[in-house]
């Protein structure tokens, strides 16, 4: 059995598949039933300014992917501190996923809204903690000041850790086809 689907360049479509199963046995009536798959989205939306970043593909929309940040010491500590306040945004098992936002201008505004005037302390500078990390991420619909101050936080972290996080989020979005508005969780 083979299956093939296509989606237009830089387009997406939501669909589901149907399957008909037919059973035959000599001396018995023919029986059959039809099965519908879970809904899935096929897309060709992962493009950079001039070229495709990832081949077209499909994902089940009912499955919410999770990105891991637990090995990033300072970033995980920031996320943990925010979640201790009770909002649990992005925490697996709490039903409050984060939602991807692929607007670079809005991400910059979100980052500036929470990190713009923040400065590391002398102690943080001496220890290389000079990059402002915000949670929820600036590249989410919950980023910036969208949530109350009690449900967000910042922490100064090493540049290398911040760069690792940025690359990880970017790679995660490509690998799991996380598009604008798609939900995801953050494990620490």
Protein backbone atom coordinates (compact mmCIF):
# COMPACT_ATOMS: atom_id res chain seq x y z
CA UNK A 1 0.00 0.00 0.00
CA UNK A 2 1.37 3.43 -0.87
CA UNK A 3 0.17 6.87 0.10
CA UNK A 4 1.09 10.22 -1.39
CA UNK A 5 -0.09 13.74 -0.69
CA UNK A 6 1.06 17.16 -1.77
CA UNK A 7 0.71 20.69 -0.51
CA UNK A 8 1.40 23.95 -2.31
CA UNK A 9 4.62 25.90 -1.90
CA UNK A 10 4.55 27.88 1.38
CA UNK A 11 1.04 26.53 2.08
CA UNK A 12 -0.53 24.22 4.65
CA UNK A 13 -3.61 22.03 4.81
CA UNK A 14 -5.42 20.19 7.57
CA UNK A 15 -6.73 16.77 6.67
CA UNK A 16 -7.34 13.21 7.82
CA UNK A 17 -7.11 9.90 6.01
CA UNK A 18 -9.77 7.26 5.64
CA UNK A 19 -9.17 3.56 5.24
CA UNK A 20 -11.64 0.87 4.21
CA UNK A 21 -10.96 -2.64 5.41
CA UNK A 22 -12.78 -5.49 3.67
CA UNK A 23 -12.83 -9.06 4.93
CA UNK A 24 -13.70 -12.09 2.84
CA UNK A 25 -13.85 -15.76 3.66
CA UNK A 26 -15.40 -18.53 1.61
CA UNK A 27 -18.88 -19.34 2.84
CA UNK A 28 -19.30 -16.10 4.80
CA UNK A 29 -20.75 -12.69 3.94
CA UNK A 30 -18.27 -10.00 3.01
CA UNK A 31 -17.64 -7.59 5.89
CA UNK A 32 -15.99 -4.22 5.97
CA UNK A 33 -15.49 -1.12 8.03
CA UNK A 34 -14.05 2.35 7.51
CA UNK A 35 -11.47 3.97 9.76
CA UNK A 36 -10.53 7.66 9.92
CA UNK A 37 -7.11 8.71 11.13
CA UNK A 38 -6.51 11.52 13.59
CA UNK A 39 -6.34 14.95 11.95
CA UNK A 40 -2.96 15.97 10.64
CA UNK A 41 -1.50 19.01 8.99
CA UNK A 42 0.75 18.89 5.93
CA UNK A 43 2.76 21.97 5.12
CA UNK A 44 5.56 23.52 3.12
CA UNK A 45 5.96 26.54 5.40
CA UNK A 46 9.56 26.18 6.58
CA UNK A 47 11.26 28.71 4.34
CA UNK A 48 14.01 31.23 4.93
CA UNK A 49 14.27 34.51 3.02
CA UNK A 50 15.36 32.79 -0.21
CA UNK A 51 15.28 29.02 0.22
CA UNK A 52 13.44 26.12 1.78
CA UNK A 53 14.78 25.24 5.25
CA UNK A 54 13.09 21.85 5.49
CA UNK A 55 11.23 19.64 3.04
CA UNK A 56 7.42 19.57 3.18
CA UNK A 57 6.02 17.24 5.80
CA UNK A 58 3.09 16.36 8.04
CA UNK A 59 2.37 16.39 11.78
CA UNK A 60 -0.51 15.23 13.94
CA UNK A 61 -2.03 18.42 15.30
CA UNK A 62 -3.33 16.70 18.42
CA UNK A 63 0.19 15.86 19.62
CA UNK A 64 1.88 18.78 21.40
CA UNK A 65 5.69 18.54 21.20
CA UNK A 66 8.00 19.25 24.14
CA UNK A 67 11.40 20.92 24.06
CA UNK A 68 13.95 20.19 26.79
CA UNK A 69 15.85 22.95 28.59
CA UNK A 70 16.80 21.06 31.77
CA UNK A 71 20.51 20.87 30.91
CA UNK A 72 20.81 24.68 30.59
CA UNK A 73 21.53 25.49 34.24
CA UNK A 74 20.61 29.16 34.46
CA UNK A 75 17.79 29.10 31.94
CA UNK A 76 16.21 26.10 33.67
CA UNK A 77 16.51 27.95 36.99
CA UNK A 78 14.70 30.96 35.50
CA UNK A 79 11.89 28.76 34.17
CA UNK A 80 11.65 26.93 37.49
CA UNK A 81 11.42 30.24 39.42
CA UNK A 82 8.64 31.52 37.16
CA UNK A 83 6.67 28.28 37.50
CA UNK A 84 6.98 28.33 41.29
CA UNK A 85 4.75 31.41 41.19
CA UNK A 86 1.89 29.15 40.06
CA UNK A 87 1.20 29.92 36.41
CA UNK A 88 2.89 26.81 35.03
CA UNK A 89 2.89 28.20 31.45
CA UNK A 90 4.61 25.77 29.11
CA UNK A 91 4.90 23.10 31.83
CA UNK A 92 3.98 19.61 30.61
CA UNK A 93 0.91 18.24 32.36
CA UNK A 94 -0.65 21.58 33.29
CA UNK A 95 -2.65 22.29 30.11
CA UNK A 96 -1.11 25.71 29.52
CA UNK A 97 1.25 25.29 26.55
CA UNK A 98 3.23 28.12 25.04
CA UNK A 99 2.36 29.12 21.46
CA UNK A 100 4.97 29.79 18.78
CA UNK A 101 5.12 33.27 17.32
CA UNK A 102 7.13 33.74 14.15
CA UNK A 103 7.17 37.54 13.95
CA UNK A 104 10.72 38.85 14.43
CA UNK A 105 9.57 42.44 15.05
CA UNK A 106 7.13 41.36 17.76
CA UNK A 107 9.76 39.07 19.33
CA UNK A 108 12.15 42.06 19.53
CA UNK A 109 9.38 44.15 21.16
CA UNK A 110 8.62 41.32 23.60
CA UNK A 111 12.29 41.04 24.56
CA UNK A 112 12.68 44.80 24.98
CA UNK A 113 9.50 45.00 27.08
CA UNK A 114 10.96 42.72 29.77
CA UNK A 115 14.74 42.97 29.32
CA UNK A 116 15.15 46.45 27.78
CA UNK A 117 16.20 48.37 30.89
CA UNK A 118 17.44 45.44 32.97
CA UNK A 119 21.15 45.41 33.81
CA UNK A 120 23.19 42.62 35.39
CA UNK A 121 24.52 43.26 38.88
CA UNK A 122 28.26 43.60 39.46
CA UNK A 123 28.30 40.04 40.86
CA UNK A 124 26.51 38.71 37.75
CA UNK A 125 28.95 40.50 35.43
CA UNK A 126 31.95 39.08 37.33
CA UNK A 127 30.51 35.59 36.88
CA UNK A 128 29.76 36.00 33.15
CA UNK A 129 26.00 36.27 33.63
CA UNK A 130 25.40 39.11 31.18
CA UNK A 131 22.66 37.99 28.76
CA UNK A 132 19.06 38.68 29.77
CA UNK A 133 16.93 35.53 29.50
CA UNK A 134 13.15 35.92 29.59
CA UNK A 135 10.45 33.36 30.25
CA UNK A 136 8.06 32.87 28.59
CA UNK A 137 10.26 33.16 25.53
CA UNK A 138 10.03 36.36 23.48
CA UNK A 139 9.22 34.21 20.43
CA UNK A 140 5.93 33.01 21.95
CA UNK A 141 2.48 34.56 22.00
CA UNK A 142 2.82 34.59 25.81
CA UNK A 143 6.13 36.48 25.63
CA UNK A 144 6.85 40.08 26.58
CA UNK A 145 4.20 41.55 28.87
CA UNK A 146 1.29 39.42 27.61
CA UNK A 147 1.11 37.63 30.97
CA UNK A 148 0.97 39.38 34.36
CA UNK A 149 4.34 40.14 35.97
CA UNK A 150 3.74 37.33 38.47
CA UNK A 151 3.75 34.80 35.59
CA UNK A 152 6.97 35.85 33.86
CA UNK A 153 10.57 36.44 34.80
CA UNK A 154 14.06 37.32 33.70
CA UNK A 155 17.50 36.13 34.73
CA UNK A 156 20.98 36.98 33.53
CA UNK A 157 22.69 33.95 32.03
CA UNK A 158 25.96 33.24 30.19
CA UNK A 159 25.95 34.26 26.51
CA UNK A 160 26.84 30.71 25.49
CA UNK A 161 23.81 29.29 27.28
CA UNK A 162 21.55 31.91 25.68
CA UNK A 163 22.96 31.05 22.23
CA UNK A 164 22.43 27.33 22.87
CA UNK A 165 18.81 27.98 23.82
CA UNK A 166 18.18 30.06 20.69
CA UNK A 167 19.64 27.40 18.42
CA UNK A 168 17.73 24.67 20.20
CA UNK A 169 14.39 26.47 19.88
CA UNK A 170 15.03 27.16 16.19
CA UNK A 171 15.98 23.53 15.50
CA UNK A 172 13.03 22.25 17.53
CA UNK A 173 10.58 24.33 15.50
CA UNK A 174 11.98 22.89 12.27
CA UNK A 175 12.18 19.29 13.46
CA UNK A 176 8.63 19.21 14.86
CA UNK A 177 7.15 21.60 12.28
CA UNK A 178 6.06 24.07 14.97
CA UNK A 179 4.40 26.88 13.01
CA UNK A 180 3.04 30.26 14.07
CA UNK A 181 0.36 29.71 16.72
CA UNK A 182 1.25 26.04 17.36
CA UNK A 183 1.36 24.87 20.97
CA UNK A 184 4.42 23.35 22.63
CA UNK A 185 5.72 22.55 26.11
CA UNK A 186 9.07 23.20 27.80
CA UNK A 187 10.56 20.49 30.05
CA UNK A 188 13.23 21.33 32.62
